[in-house]
């Protein structure tokens, strides 16, 4: 569904990624590790066409992202759910309206109306539907971010440090939600530095662990 072929990316004259190849296929589950500043977030942005590679090719659903027009790019991004590291919400909207925002922007509320109620229940936030973001805990915000990312039933889910601000119990819950999505056939790519999180996921589903080091993408050891 998403494929990076010999991709490099430079910023300000410095090469961040070098000759990276990666394939996110239906039902695959990848973890991406590496030190801060290794380029994990950059790689995710390349996957959903927020960035264009300096060299190489990124394809999403068999189309090259660098040549997509605005409409094609918008349609492609609907098929990719992204959980950002900073979990930004609109504080003047209720939690349910924040989660539903991608549908509102796309004018598709009627097509996916049942998704909102199902998702709120699935992530355990049904009772918080009418609350506003400032009143939510870190774990509630992360679960809401995941719900918002999948409200349009995307084929691919990209998560950037989704458990960085929550306790271990909540981290496990989020992993289980991602595993459930994976079992539905969705491709999952999670950036994380938490090896315990990876171990927990590996106990629930087949996963592949990758590491960014010196701009290169390498397979991590099997034993974590």
N, C-alpha and C. Protein backbone atom coordinates (compact mmCIF):
# COMPACT_ATOMS: atom_id res chain seq x y z
N UNK A 1 0.82 -1.20 0.00
CA UNK A 1 0.00 0.00 0.00
C UNK A 1 0.86 1.27 0.00
N UNK A 2 1.87 1.28 0.87
CA UNK A 2 2.84 2.38 0.84
C UNK A 2 4.23 1.78 0.68
N UNK A 3 4.98 2.33 -0.25
CA UNK A 3 6.30 1.78 -0.54
C UNK A 3 7.32 2.90 -0.72
N UNK A 4 8.40 2.80 0.02
CA UNK A 4 9.53 3.70 -0.15
C UNK A 4 10.65 2.93 -0.84
N UNK A 5 11.16 3.49 -1.93
CA UNK A 5 12.19 2.81 -2.71
C UNK A 5 13.42 3.71 -2.84
N UNK A 6 14.50 3.31 -2.17
CA UNK A 6 15.78 4.04 -2.23
C UNK A 6 15.59 5.53 -1.96
N UNK A 7 14.86 5.81 -0.87
CA UNK A 7 14.51 7.19 -0.54
C UNK A 7 15.58 7.85 0.32
N UNK A 8 15.94 9.06 -0.06
CA UNK A 8 16.81 9.91 0.76
C UNK A 8 16.10 11.24 0.98
N UNK A 9 16.41 11.87 2.12
CA UNK A 9 15.80 13.17 2.41
C UNK A 9 16.83 14.05 3.10
N UNK A 10 16.99 15.25 2.57
CA UNK A 10 17.92 16.22 3.14
C UNK A 10 17.18 17.47 3.53
N UNK A 11 17.68 18.11 4.60
CA UNK A 11 17.10 19.37 5.05
C UNK A 11 18.22 20.30 5.48
N UNK A 12 18.22 21.50 4.90
CA UNK A 12 19.25 22.47 5.24
C UNK A 12 20.65 21.99 4.92
N UNK A 13 20.77 21.16 3.89
CA UNK A 13 22.07 20.66 3.49
C UNK A 13 22.51 19.41 4.22
N UNK A 14 21.76 19.00 5.24
CA UNK A 14 22.11 17.79 6.01
C UNK A 14 21.21 16.64 5.59
N UNK A 15 21.82 15.49 5.33
CA UNK A 15 21.04 14.32 4.92
C UNK A 15 20.51 13.63 6.17
N UNK A 16 19.18 13.52 6.26
CA UNK A 16 18.53 12.91 7.42
C UNK A 16 18.28 11.43 7.17
N UNK A 17 17.83 11.09 5.97
CA UNK A 17 17.60 9.70 5.57
C UNK A 17 18.39 9.40 4.31
N UNK A 18 18.92 8.19 4.22
CA UNK A 18 19.76 7.82 3.09
C UNK A 18 19.41 6.43 2.57
N UNK A 19 18.93 6.37 1.32
CA UNK A 19 18.70 5.10 0.62
C UNK A 19 17.80 4.16 1.43
N UNK A 20 16.67 4.69 1.88
CA UNK A 20 15.73 3.91 2.70
C UNK A 20 14.70 3.24 1.81
N UNK A 21 14.49 1.95 2.04
CA UNK A 21 13.44 1.20 1.35
C UNK A 21 12.56 0.52 2.38
N UNK A 22 11.25 0.62 2.18
CA UNK A 22 10.30 0.07 3.14
C UNK A 22 8.98 -0.19 2.43
N UNK A 23 8.34 -1.31 2.78
CA UNK A 23 7.06 -1.65 2.18
C UNK A 23 6.04 -1.94 3.28
N UNK A 24 4.96 -1.17 3.29
CA UNK A 24 3.87 -1.37 4.24
C UNK A 24 2.72 -2.05 3.49
N UNK A 25 2.58 -3.33 3.71
CA UNK A 25 1.58 -4.12 3.00
C UNK A 25 0.37 -4.39 3.89
N UNK A 26 -0.77 -4.76 3.30
CA UNK A 26 -1.96 -5.03 4.11
C UNK A 26 -1.67 -6.06 5.20
N UNK A 27 -2.08 -5.75 6.42
CA UNK A 27 -1.91 -6.69 7.53
C UNK A 27 -0.52 -6.73 8.12
N UNK A 28 0.39 -5.86 7.68
CA UNK A 28 1.74 -5.85 8.25
C UNK A 28 1.78 -4.94 9.47
N UNK A 29 2.69 -5.24 10.39
CA UNK A 29 2.83 -4.46 11.62
C UNK A 29 4.31 -4.19 11.83
N UNK A 30 4.70 -2.93 11.73
CA UNK A 30 6.10 -2.53 11.86
C UNK A 30 6.28 -1.59 13.06
N UNK A 31 7.39 -1.79 13.76
CA UNK A 31 7.85 -0.81 14.74
C UNK A 31 9.11 -0.16 14.18
N UNK A 32 9.20 1.15 14.37
CA UNK A 32 10.38 1.90 13.94
C UNK A 32 11.04 2.50 15.17
N UNK A 33 12.29 2.12 15.42
CA UNK A 33 13.02 2.60 16.58
C UNK A 33 14.22 3.43 16.14
N UNK A 34 14.91 3.99 17.11
CA UNK A 34 16.09 4.79 16.82
C UNK A 34 16.17 5.95 17.78
N UNK A 35 17.36 6.52 17.94
CA UNK A 35 17.54 7.63 18.88
C UNK A 35 16.82 8.88 18.43
N UNK A 36 16.62 9.82 19.35
CA UNK A 36 16.02 11.11 19.00
C UNK A 36 16.84 11.78 17.90
N UNK A 37 16.14 12.31 16.92
CA UNK A 37 16.81 12.97 15.81
C UNK A 37 17.26 12.03 14.71
N UNK A 38 16.91 10.74 14.82
CA UNK A 38 17.34 9.76 13.81
C UNK A 38 16.56 9.89 12.51
N UNK A 39 15.39 10.54 12.56
CA UNK A 39 14.60 10.71 11.35
C UNK A 39 13.30 9.92 11.34
N UNK A 40 12.86 9.43 12.49
CA UNK A 40 11.65 8.62 12.54
C UNK A 40 10.42 9.41 12.08
N UNK A 41 10.26 10.61 12.63
CA UNK A 41 9.11 11.43 12.24
C UNK A 41 9.20 11.83 10.77
N UNK A 42 10.39 12.10 10.29
CA UNK A 42 10.58 12.43 8.88
C UNK A 42 10.13 11.28 7.99
N UNK A 43 10.48 10.07 8.37
CA UNK A 43 10.07 8.90 7.58
C UNK A 43 8.55 8.79 7.54
N UNK A 44 7.90 9.00 8.69
CA UNK A 44 6.44 8.96 8.71
C UNK A 44 5.84 10.01 7.79
N UNK A 45 6.41 11.21 7.82
CA UNK A 45 5.88 12.29 6.96
C UNK A 45 6.04 11.96 5.49
N UNK A 46 7.10 11.27 5.14
CA UNK A 46 7.26 10.82 3.76
C UNK A 46 6.17 9.81 3.39
N UNK A 47 5.80 8.97 4.36
CA UNK A 47 4.79 7.94 4.10
C UNK A 47 3.43 8.54 3.79
N UNK A 48 3.08 9.66 4.44
CA UNK A 48 1.77 10.24 4.14
C UNK A 48 1.88 11.52 3.32
N UNK A 49 3.01 11.67 2.65
CA UNK A 49 3.21 12.72 1.64
C UNK A 49 3.16 14.13 2.22
N UNK A 50 3.52 14.27 3.50
CA UNK A 50 3.71 15.61 4.06
C UNK A 50 5.07 16.16 3.64
N UNK A 51 5.97 15.27 3.24
CA UNK A 51 7.27 15.63 2.70
C UNK A 51 7.48 14.89 1.39
N UNK A 52 8.32 15.46 0.54
CA UNK A 52 8.69 14.84 -0.73
C UNK A 52 10.15 14.43 -0.65
N UNK A 53 10.50 13.21 -1.05
CA UNK A 53 11.89 12.77 -0.94
C UNK A 53 12.84 13.59 -1.81
N UNK A 54 14.05 13.78 -1.32
CA UNK A 54 15.08 14.44 -2.11
C UNK A 54 15.51 13.55 -3.26
N UNK A 55 15.59 12.26 -2.97
CA UNK A 55 15.88 11.25 -3.99
C UNK A 55 15.01 10.02 -3.71
N UNK A 56 14.83 9.20 -4.73
CA UNK A 56 14.06 7.98 -4.57
C UNK A 56 12.57 8.21 -4.81
N UNK A 57 11.78 7.18 -4.54
CA UNK A 57 10.37 7.20 -4.87
C UNK A 57 9.53 6.73 -3.68
N UNK A 58 8.45 7.47 -3.43
CA UNK A 58 7.44 7.04 -2.47
C UNK A 58 6.14 6.79 -3.23
N UNK A 59 5.59 5.60 -3.10
CA UNK A 59 4.32 5.26 -3.74
C UNK A 59 3.28 4.97 -2.66
N UNK A 60 2.10 5.51 -2.86
CA UNK A 60 0.98 5.22 -1.98
C UNK A 60 -0.16 4.69 -2.83
N UNK A 61 -0.53 3.45 -2.58
CA UNK A 61 -1.61 2.81 -3.32
C UNK A 61 -1.33 2.85 -4.83
N UNK A 62 -0.06 2.53 -5.13
CA UNK A 62 0.44 2.35 -6.50
C UNK A 62 0.64 3.66 -7.26
N UNK A 63 0.50 4.79 -6.60
CA UNK A 63 0.73 6.08 -7.28
C UNK A 63 1.89 6.80 -6.60
N UNK A 64 2.73 7.45 -7.40
CA UNK A 64 3.88 8.16 -6.86
C UNK A 64 3.42 9.46 -6.20
N UNK A 65 3.76 9.64 -4.93
CA UNK A 65 3.25 10.81 -4.19
C UNK A 65 3.77 12.13 -4.75
N UNK A 66 4.98 12.15 -5.27
CA UNK A 66 5.58 13.40 -5.75
C UNK A 66 4.84 13.98 -6.95
N UNK A 67 4.09 13.15 -7.67
CA UNK A 67 3.41 13.62 -8.88
C UNK A 67 1.90 13.77 -8.68
N UNK A 68 1.41 13.57 -7.46
CA UNK A 68 -0.02 13.68 -7.20
C UNK A 68 -0.48 15.13 -7.25
N UNK A 69 -1.65 15.37 -7.84
CA UNK A 69 -2.24 16.70 -7.75
C UNK A 69 -2.96 16.83 -6.41
N UNK A 70 -3.47 18.01 -6.14
CA UNK A 70 -4.04 18.29 -4.82
C UNK A 70 -5.20 17.35 -4.49
N UNK A 71 -6.09 17.11 -5.45
CA UNK A 71 -7.25 16.26 -5.19
C UNK A 71 -6.84 14.82 -4.92
N UNK A 72 -5.91 14.32 -5.72
CA UNK A 72 -5.44 12.95 -5.52
C UNK A 72 -4.75 12.79 -4.18
N UNK A 73 -3.97 13.80 -3.81
CA UNK A 73 -3.27 13.77 -2.53
C UNK A 73 -4.28 13.74 -1.37
N UNK A 74 -5.32 14.56 -1.47
CA UNK A 74 -6.34 14.59 -0.42
C UNK A 74 -7.04 13.23 -0.29
N UNK A 75 -7.37 12.62 -1.40
CA UNK A 75 -8.01 11.31 -1.37
C UNK A 75 -7.08 10.24 -0.80
N UNK A 76 -5.80 10.35 -1.14
CA UNK A 76 -4.82 9.39 -0.63
C UNK A 76 -4.69 9.51 0.88
N UNK A 77 -4.65 10.73 1.38
CA UNK A 77 -4.48 10.94 2.82
C UNK A 77 -5.68 10.45 3.62
N UNK A 78 -6.83 10.37 2.99
CA UNK A 78 -7.99 9.80 3.68
C UNK A 78 -7.79 8.33 3.98
N UNK A 79 -6.91 7.70 3.23
CA UNK A 79 -6.67 6.27 3.41
C UNK A 79 -5.52 5.99 4.37
N UNK A 80 -4.96 7.07 4.94
CA UNK A 80 -3.85 6.94 5.89
C UNK A 80 -4.21 7.69 7.18
N UNK A 81 -4.33 6.96 8.27
CA UNK A 81 -4.60 7.58 9.56
C UNK A 81 -3.30 7.86 10.29
N UNK A 82 -3.15 9.07 10.82
CA UNK A 82 -1.91 9.46 11.47
C UNK A 82 -2.18 9.88 12.92
N UNK A 83 -1.46 9.26 13.85
CA UNK A 83 -1.50 9.65 15.25
C UNK A 83 -0.24 10.45 15.52
N UNK A 84 -0.39 11.76 15.64
CA UNK A 84 0.77 12.63 15.83
C UNK A 84 1.27 12.59 17.26
N UNK A 85 2.53 12.89 17.42
CA UNK A 85 3.16 12.83 18.74
C UNK A 85 2.57 13.86 19.70
N UNK A 86 2.16 15.02 19.19
CA UNK A 86 1.72 16.09 20.09
C UNK A 86 0.22 16.12 20.34
N UNK A 87 -0.57 15.30 19.63
CA UNK A 87 -2.01 15.17 19.92
C UNK A 87 -2.73 16.51 20.03
N UNK A 88 -2.71 17.30 19.00
CA UNK A 88 -3.38 18.60 19.04
C UNK A 88 -4.88 18.46 18.81
N UNK A 89 -5.66 19.19 19.63
CA UNK A 89 -7.11 19.21 19.48
C UNK A 89 -7.58 20.67 19.47
N UNK A 90 -8.82 20.88 19.03
CA UNK A 90 -9.43 22.20 19.08
C UNK A 90 -10.18 22.31 20.40
N UNK A 91 -9.70 23.17 21.29
CA UNK A 91 -10.22 23.22 22.65
C UNK A 91 -11.67 23.68 22.74
N UNK A 92 -12.17 24.39 21.72
CA UNK A 92 -13.55 24.88 21.78
C UNK A 92 -14.56 23.85 21.29
N UNK A 93 -14.07 22.71 20.80
CA UNK A 93 -14.96 21.64 20.35
C UNK A 93 -14.96 20.51 21.37
N UNK A 94 -16.09 19.83 21.49
CA UNK A 94 -16.15 18.67 22.37
C UNK A 94 -15.26 17.55 21.84
N UNK A 95 -15.03 16.57 22.68
CA UNK A 95 -14.18 15.45 22.27
C UNK A 95 -14.78 14.74 21.06
N UNK A 96 -16.08 14.49 21.08
CA UNK A 96 -16.70 13.79 19.95
C UNK A 96 -16.58 14.61 18.67
N UNK A 97 -16.72 15.93 18.77
CA UNK A 97 -16.58 16.77 17.57
C UNK A 97 -15.14 16.78 17.07
N UNK A 98 -14.16 16.73 17.98
CA UNK A 98 -12.76 16.65 17.58
C UNK A 98 -12.47 15.36 16.84
N UNK A 99 -12.97 14.26 17.38
CA UNK A 99 -12.74 12.96 16.74
C UNK A 99 -13.41 12.91 15.37
N UNK A 100 -14.56 13.56 15.27
CA UNK A 100 -15.34 13.54 14.04
C UNK A 100 -14.84 14.55 13.01
N UNK A 101 -13.86 15.38 13.38
CA UNK A 101 -13.43 16.49 12.53
C UNK A 101 -13.00 16.07 11.12
N UNK A 102 -12.24 14.97 10.96
CA UNK A 102 -11.88 14.59 9.58
C UNK A 102 -13.09 14.36 8.68
N UNK A 103 -14.17 13.82 9.25
CA UNK A 103 -15.39 13.61 8.46
C UNK A 103 -16.06 14.95 8.15
N UNK A 104 -16.06 15.85 9.13
CA UNK A 104 -16.66 17.17 8.92
C UNK A 104 -15.95 17.91 7.79
N UNK A 105 -14.62 17.91 7.84
CA UNK A 105 -13.83 18.60 6.82
C UNK A 105 -14.08 18.00 5.44
N UNK A 106 -14.20 16.68 5.38
CA UNK A 106 -14.39 16.00 4.10
C UNK A 106 -15.85 15.99 3.65
N UNK A 107 -16.77 16.46 4.51
CA UNK A 107 -18.18 16.45 4.17
C UNK A 107 -18.76 15.05 4.09
N UNK A 108 -18.28 14.16 4.95
CA UNK A 108 -18.67 12.76 4.87
C UNK A 108 -19.36 12.24 6.13
N UNK A 109 -19.88 13.14 6.96
CA UNK A 109 -20.49 12.68 8.21
C UNK A 109 -21.56 11.62 7.98
N UNK A 110 -22.37 11.81 6.95
CA UNK A 110 -23.45 10.86 6.69
C UNK A 110 -22.95 9.48 6.31
N UNK A 111 -21.82 9.42 5.63
CA UNK A 111 -21.30 8.14 5.16
C UNK A 111 -20.71 7.31 6.30
N UNK A 112 -20.22 7.98 7.34
CA UNK A 112 -19.52 7.28 8.42
C UNK A 112 -20.15 7.57 9.79
N UNK A 113 -21.45 7.92 9.81
CA UNK A 113 -22.08 8.38 11.05
C UNK A 113 -21.94 7.37 12.18
N UNK A 114 -22.08 6.09 11.87
CA UNK A 114 -22.02 5.08 12.92
C UNK A 114 -20.61 4.91 13.45
N UNK A 115 -19.61 5.28 12.67
CA UNK A 115 -18.23 5.11 13.09
C UNK A 115 -17.92 5.85 14.39
N UNK A 116 -18.48 7.05 14.55
CA UNK A 116 -18.16 7.86 15.72
C UNK A 116 -18.61 7.18 17.00
N UNK A 117 -19.85 6.74 17.05
CA UNK A 117 -20.36 6.08 18.25
C UNK A 117 -19.58 4.80 18.53
N UNK A 118 -19.32 4.04 17.50
CA UNK A 118 -18.58 2.78 17.68
C UNK A 118 -17.17 3.05 18.19
N UNK A 119 -16.50 4.07 17.62
CA UNK A 119 -15.13 4.37 18.01
C UNK A 119 -15.04 4.90 19.44
N UNK A 120 -15.97 5.76 19.81
CA UNK A 120 -15.96 6.30 21.17
C UNK A 120 -16.07 5.17 22.19
N UNK A 121 -16.89 4.21 21.87
CA UNK A 121 -17.05 3.06 22.76
C UNK A 121 -15.81 2.18 22.72
N UNK A 122 -15.25 1.98 21.53
CA UNK A 122 -14.11 1.08 21.33
C UNK A 122 -12.87 1.55 22.08
N UNK A 123 -12.65 2.86 22.11
CA UNK A 123 -11.48 3.39 22.82
C UNK A 123 -11.79 3.78 24.26
N UNK A 124 -13.00 3.45 24.72
CA UNK A 124 -13.36 3.68 26.11
C UNK A 124 -13.59 5.13 26.47
N UNK A 125 -14.12 5.92 25.52
CA UNK A 125 -14.32 7.35 25.77
C UNK A 125 -15.78 7.77 25.61
N UNK A 126 -16.68 6.83 25.64
CA UNK A 126 -18.09 7.15 25.44
C UNK A 126 -18.59 8.16 26.49
N UNK A 127 -18.15 7.99 27.73
CA UNK A 127 -18.61 8.89 28.80
C UNK A 127 -17.97 10.27 28.73
N UNK A 128 -16.91 10.42 27.93
CA UNK A 128 -16.23 11.71 27.80
C UNK A 128 -16.61 12.45 26.53
N UNK A 129 -17.61 11.95 25.81
CA UNK A 129 -17.94 12.50 24.49
C UNK A 129 -18.21 14.00 24.50
N UNK A 130 -18.84 14.50 25.57
CA UNK A 130 -19.20 15.91 25.62
C UNK A 130 -18.21 16.78 26.39
N UNK A 131 -17.11 16.17 26.81
CA UNK A 131 -16.08 16.95 27.50
C UNK A 131 -15.22 17.71 26.49
N UNK A 132 -14.47 18.69 26.99
CA UNK A 132 -13.58 19.47 26.12
C UNK A 132 -12.13 19.05 26.37
N UNK A 133 -11.28 19.13 25.36
CA UNK A 133 -9.91 18.61 25.46
C UNK A 133 -9.12 19.02 26.70
N UNK A 134 -9.20 20.28 27.19
CA UNK A 134 -8.38 20.63 28.35
C UNK A 134 -8.68 19.80 29.61
N UNK A 135 -9.86 19.18 29.67
CA UNK A 135 -10.21 18.40 30.86
C UNK A 135 -9.77 16.95 30.77
N UNK A 136 -9.18 16.54 29.66
CA UNK A 136 -8.83 15.13 29.45
C UNK A 136 -7.45 14.82 30.01
N UNK A 137 -7.28 13.57 30.45
CA UNK A 137 -5.97 13.09 30.88
C UNK A 137 -5.11 12.78 29.66
N UNK A 138 -3.82 12.52 29.90
CA UNK A 138 -2.93 12.17 28.80
C UNK A 138 -3.38 10.92 28.07
N UNK A 139 -3.80 9.91 28.83
CA UNK A 139 -4.25 8.67 28.22
C UNK A 139 -5.51 8.85 27.40
N UNK A 140 -6.44 9.68 27.90
CA UNK A 140 -7.66 9.94 27.15
C UNK A 140 -7.36 10.67 25.85
N UNK A 141 -6.43 11.60 25.89
CA UNK A 141 -6.05 12.33 24.68
C UNK A 141 -5.43 11.39 23.64
N UNK A 142 -4.58 10.46 24.10
CA UNK A 142 -3.94 9.53 23.17
C UNK A 142 -4.98 8.60 22.53
N UNK A 143 -5.92 8.13 23.34
CA UNK A 143 -6.97 7.27 22.78
C UNK A 143 -7.85 8.04 21.82
N UNK A 144 -8.12 9.30 22.15
CA UNK A 144 -8.90 10.14 21.24
C UNK A 144 -8.15 10.38 19.93
N UNK A 145 -6.84 10.57 20.02
CA UNK A 145 -6.04 10.77 18.82
C UNK A 145 -6.08 9.55 17.91
N UNK A 146 -6.06 8.36 18.53
CA UNK A 146 -6.14 7.13 17.73
C UNK A 146 -7.52 7.02 17.08
N UNK A 147 -8.58 7.33 17.84
CA UNK A 147 -9.93 7.27 17.27
C UNK A 147 -10.07 8.24 16.09
N UNK A 148 -9.55 9.45 16.25
CA UNK A 148 -9.63 10.43 15.17
C UNK A 148 -8.87 9.95 13.93
N UNK A 149 -7.73 9.28 14.15
CA UNK A 149 -6.92 8.81 13.04
C UNK A 149 -7.61 7.72 12.23
N UNK A 150 -8.51 6.97 12.87
CA UNK A 150 -9.12 5.83 12.16
C UNK A 150 -10.60 6.04 11.88
N UNK A 151 -11.12 7.25 12.12
CA UNK A 151 -12.55 7.53 11.94
C UNK A 151 -13.00 7.27 10.51
N UNK A 152 -12.09 7.42 9.53
CA UNK A 152 -12.46 7.22 8.14
C UNK A 152 -12.04 5.85 7.61
N UNK A 153 -11.83 4.91 8.54
CA UNK A 153 -11.46 3.53 8.19
C UNK A 153 -10.27 3.48 7.22
N UNK A 154 -9.14 4.05 7.60
CA UNK A 154 -7.99 4.07 6.70
C UNK A 154 -7.39 2.68 6.51
N UNK A 155 -6.64 2.53 5.43
CA UNK A 155 -5.96 1.27 5.16
C UNK A 155 -4.64 1.17 5.89
N UNK A 156 -4.06 2.31 6.22
CA UNK A 156 -2.75 2.37 6.88
C UNK A 156 -2.87 3.28 8.11
N UNK A 157 -2.26 2.85 9.22
CA UNK A 157 -2.21 3.68 10.43
C UNK A 157 -0.75 3.93 10.79
N UNK A 158 -0.38 5.21 10.89
CA UNK A 158 0.96 5.63 11.27
C UNK A 158 0.88 6.31 12.63
N UNK A 159 1.68 5.86 13.59
CA UNK A 159 1.63 6.42 14.94
C UNK A 159 3.02 6.84 15.39
N UNK A 160 3.14 8.10 15.78
CA UNK A 160 4.43 8.67 16.17
C UNK A 160 4.49 8.78 17.70
N UNK A 161 5.21 7.87 18.33
CA UNK A 161 5.34 7.83 19.80
C UNK A 161 3.96 7.93 20.46
N UNK A 162 3.03 7.03 20.13
CA UNK A 162 1.66 7.16 20.64
C UNK A 162 1.52 6.94 22.14
N UNK A 163 2.54 6.37 22.79
CA UNK A 163 2.44 6.11 24.23
C UNK A 163 3.45 6.95 25.01
N UNK A 164 3.97 8.00 24.40
CA UNK A 164 5.04 8.76 25.03
C UNK A 164 4.62 9.49 26.29
N UNK A 165 3.33 9.81 26.44
CA UNK A 165 2.89 10.61 27.58
C UNK A 165 1.90 9.88 28.49
N UNK A 166 1.89 8.55 28.43
CA UNK A 166 0.93 7.79 29.23
C UNK A 166 1.64 6.72 30.05
N UNK A 167 0.95 6.21 31.06
CA UNK A 167 1.55 5.19 31.92
C UNK A 167 1.52 3.83 31.23
N UNK A 168 2.14 2.84 31.89
CA UNK A 168 2.29 1.52 31.25
C UNK A 168 0.94 0.86 30.99
N UNK A 169 0.02 0.97 31.94
CA UNK A 169 -1.29 0.35 31.75
C UNK A 169 -1.99 0.90 30.52
N UNK A 170 -1.93 2.21 30.35
CA UNK A 170 -2.55 2.82 29.18
C UNK A 170 -1.77 2.48 27.91
N UNK A 171 -0.46 2.36 28.00
CA UNK A 171 0.33 1.96 26.84
C UNK A 171 -0.10 0.60 26.34
N UNK A 172 -0.33 -0.33 27.25
CA UNK A 172 -0.77 -1.67 26.86
C UNK A 172 -2.13 -1.63 26.19
N UNK A 173 -3.00 -0.77 26.70
CA UNK A 173 -4.32 -0.66 26.10
C UNK A 173 -4.23 -0.13 24.68
N UNK A 174 -3.39 0.87 24.48
CA UNK A 174 -3.23 1.42 23.13
C UNK A 174 -2.63 0.38 22.18
N UNK A 175 -1.68 -0.42 22.68
CA UNK A 175 -1.10 -1.48 21.85
C UNK A 175 -2.18 -2.47 21.43
N UNK A 176 -3.04 -2.83 22.36
CA UNK A 176 -4.11 -3.78 22.02
C UNK A 176 -5.05 -3.21 20.96
N UNK A 177 -5.32 -1.91 21.04
CA UNK A 177 -6.15 -1.29 20.02
C UNK A 177 -5.48 -1.34 18.65
N UNK A 178 -4.18 -1.08 18.62
CA UNK A 178 -3.44 -1.14 17.35
C UNK A 178 -3.41 -2.57 16.80
N UNK A 179 -3.25 -3.54 17.69
CA UNK A 179 -3.25 -4.94 17.26
C UNK A 179 -4.62 -5.31 16.67
N UNK A 180 -5.69 -4.83 17.29
CA UNK A 180 -7.02 -5.11 16.75
C UNK A 180 -7.17 -4.53 15.35
N UNK A 181 -6.67 -3.31 15.15
CA UNK A 181 -6.72 -2.71 13.81
C UNK A 181 -5.92 -3.54 12.82
N UNK A 182 -4.76 -4.00 13.26
CA UNK A 182 -3.91 -4.82 12.39
C UNK A 182 -4.61 -6.10 11.98
N UNK A 183 -5.34 -6.71 12.91
CA UNK A 183 -6.05 -7.96 12.61
C UNK A 183 -7.21 -7.73 11.64
N UNK A 184 -7.62 -6.47 11.48
CA UNK A 184 -8.63 -6.13 10.47
C UNK A 184 -8.01 -6.00 9.08
N UNK A 185 -6.68 -6.16 9.00
CA UNK A 185 -6.01 -6.09 7.72
C UNK A 185 -5.32 -4.78 7.44
N UNK A 186 -5.32 -3.87 8.42
CA UNK A 186 -4.68 -2.59 8.22
C UNK A 186 -3.17 -2.69 8.45
N UNK A 187 -2.40 -1.94 7.67
CA UNK A 187 -0.95 -1.86 7.87
C UNK A 187 -0.68 -0.86 8.99
N UNK A 188 0.20 -1.24 9.91
CA UNK A 188 0.51 -0.39 11.07
C UNK A 188 2.01 -0.11 11.09
N UNK A 189 2.36 1.16 11.30
CA UNK A 189 3.75 1.55 11.52
C UNK A 189 3.79 2.45 12.74
N UNK A 190 4.52 2.01 13.78
CA UNK A 190 4.59 2.75 15.04
C UNK A 190 6.03 3.17 15.30
N UNK A 191 6.25 4.47 15.48
CA UNK A 191 7.55 4.96 15.92
C UNK A 191 7.58 4.95 17.45
N UNK A 192 8.61 4.35 18.02
CA UNK A 192 8.70 4.32 19.47
C UNK A 192 10.14 4.06 19.90
N UNK A 193 10.46 4.50 21.11
CA UNK A 193 11.75 4.18 21.72
C UNK A 193 11.55 3.19 22.87
N UNK A 194 10.31 2.76 23.10
CA UNK A 194 9.96 1.93 24.25
C UNK A 194 10.03 0.45 23.87
N UNK A 195 11.11 -0.23 24.27
CA UNK A 195 11.25 -1.64 23.93
C UNK A 195 10.24 -2.51 24.65
N UNK A 196 9.80 -2.11 25.84
CA UNK A 196 8.76 -2.88 26.54
C UNK A 196 7.46 -2.88 25.75
N UNK A 197 7.17 -1.76 25.12
CA UNK A 197 5.98 -1.67 24.28
C UNK A 197 6.08 -2.64 23.10
N UNK A 198 7.25 -2.71 22.50
CA UNK A 198 7.44 -3.62 21.37
C UNK A 198 7.29 -5.07 21.83
N UNK A 199 7.86 -5.40 22.98
CA UNK A 199 7.71 -6.77 23.50
C UNK A 199 6.25 -7.12 23.73
N UNK A 200 5.48 -6.17 24.27
CA UNK A 200 4.06 -6.42 24.52
C UNK A 200 3.31 -6.69 23.22
N UNK A 201 3.63 -5.93 22.17
CA UNK A 201 2.97 -6.12 20.88
C UNK A 201 3.36 -7.44 20.23
N UNK A 202 4.65 -7.79 20.35
CA UNK A 202 5.13 -9.04 19.75
C UNK A 202 4.46 -10.26 20.37
N UNK A 203 4.00 -10.12 21.60
CA UNK A 203 3.29 -11.23 22.26
C UNK A 203 1.87 -11.38 21.73
N UNK A 204 1.38 -10.37 21.03
CA UNK A 204 0.00 -10.38 20.57
C UNK A 204 -0.14 -10.55 19.06
N UNK A 205 0.89 -10.18 18.31
CA UNK A 205 0.79 -10.22 16.85
C UNK A 205 2.18 -10.29 16.23
N UNK A 206 2.29 -10.87 15.04
CA UNK A 206 3.58 -10.87 14.34
C UNK A 206 3.97 -9.43 13.99
N UNK A 207 5.17 -9.03 14.38
CA UNK A 207 5.63 -7.68 14.10
C UNK A 207 7.04 -7.72 13.54
N UNK A 208 7.38 -6.67 12.83
CA UNK A 208 8.74 -6.50 12.33
C UNK A 208 9.31 -5.24 12.96
N UNK A 209 10.51 -5.34 13.49
CA UNK A 209 11.14 -4.21 14.17
C UNK A 209 12.27 -3.67 13.30
N UNK A 210 12.21 -2.37 13.03
CA UNK A 210 13.21 -1.70 12.22
C UNK A 210 13.89 -0.62 13.04
N UNK A 211 15.10 -0.27 12.68
CA UNK A 211 15.85 0.75 13.41
C UNK A 211 16.49 1.72 12.44
N UNK A 212 16.36 3.00 12.75
CA UNK A 212 17.04 4.04 11.99
C UNK A 212 18.33 4.41 12.72
N UNK A 213 19.43 4.34 11.99
CA UNK A 213 20.72 4.69 12.57
C UNK A 213 21.59 5.29 11.47
N UNK A 214 22.07 6.50 11.71
CA UNK A 214 22.90 7.17 10.73
C UNK A 214 22.21 7.38 9.40
N UNK A 215 20.88 7.57 9.44
CA UNK A 215 20.12 7.79 8.23
C UNK A 215 19.75 6.53 7.48
N UNK A 216 20.23 5.38 7.96
CA UNK A 216 19.97 4.10 7.30
C UNK A 216 18.89 3.32 8.06
N UNK A 217 18.10 2.55 7.34
CA UNK A 217 17.07 1.70 7.94
C UNK A 217 17.57 0.27 7.97
N UNK A 218 17.64 -0.30 9.17
CA UNK A 218 18.13 -1.67 9.32
C UNK A 218 17.15 -2.48 10.15
N UNK A 219 17.19 -3.79 10.00
CA UNK A 219 16.36 -4.67 10.83
C UNK A 219 16.97 -4.78 12.21
N UNK A 220 16.12 -4.68 13.22
CA UNK A 220 16.61 -4.83 14.60
C UNK A 220 16.68 -6.31 14.94
N UNK A 221 17.38 -6.60 16.03
CA UNK A 221 17.52 -7.99 16.46
C UNK A 221 16.18 -8.59 16.84
N UNK A 222 16.06 -9.88 16.72
CA UNK A 222 14.82 -10.56 17.05
C UNK A 222 14.54 -10.54 18.53
N UNK A 223 15.56 -10.55 19.36
CA UNK A 223 15.38 -10.57 20.80
C UNK A 223 15.45 -9.15 21.35
N UNK A 224 14.34 -8.73 21.95
CA UNK A 224 14.26 -7.37 22.48
C UNK A 224 13.90 -7.43 23.95
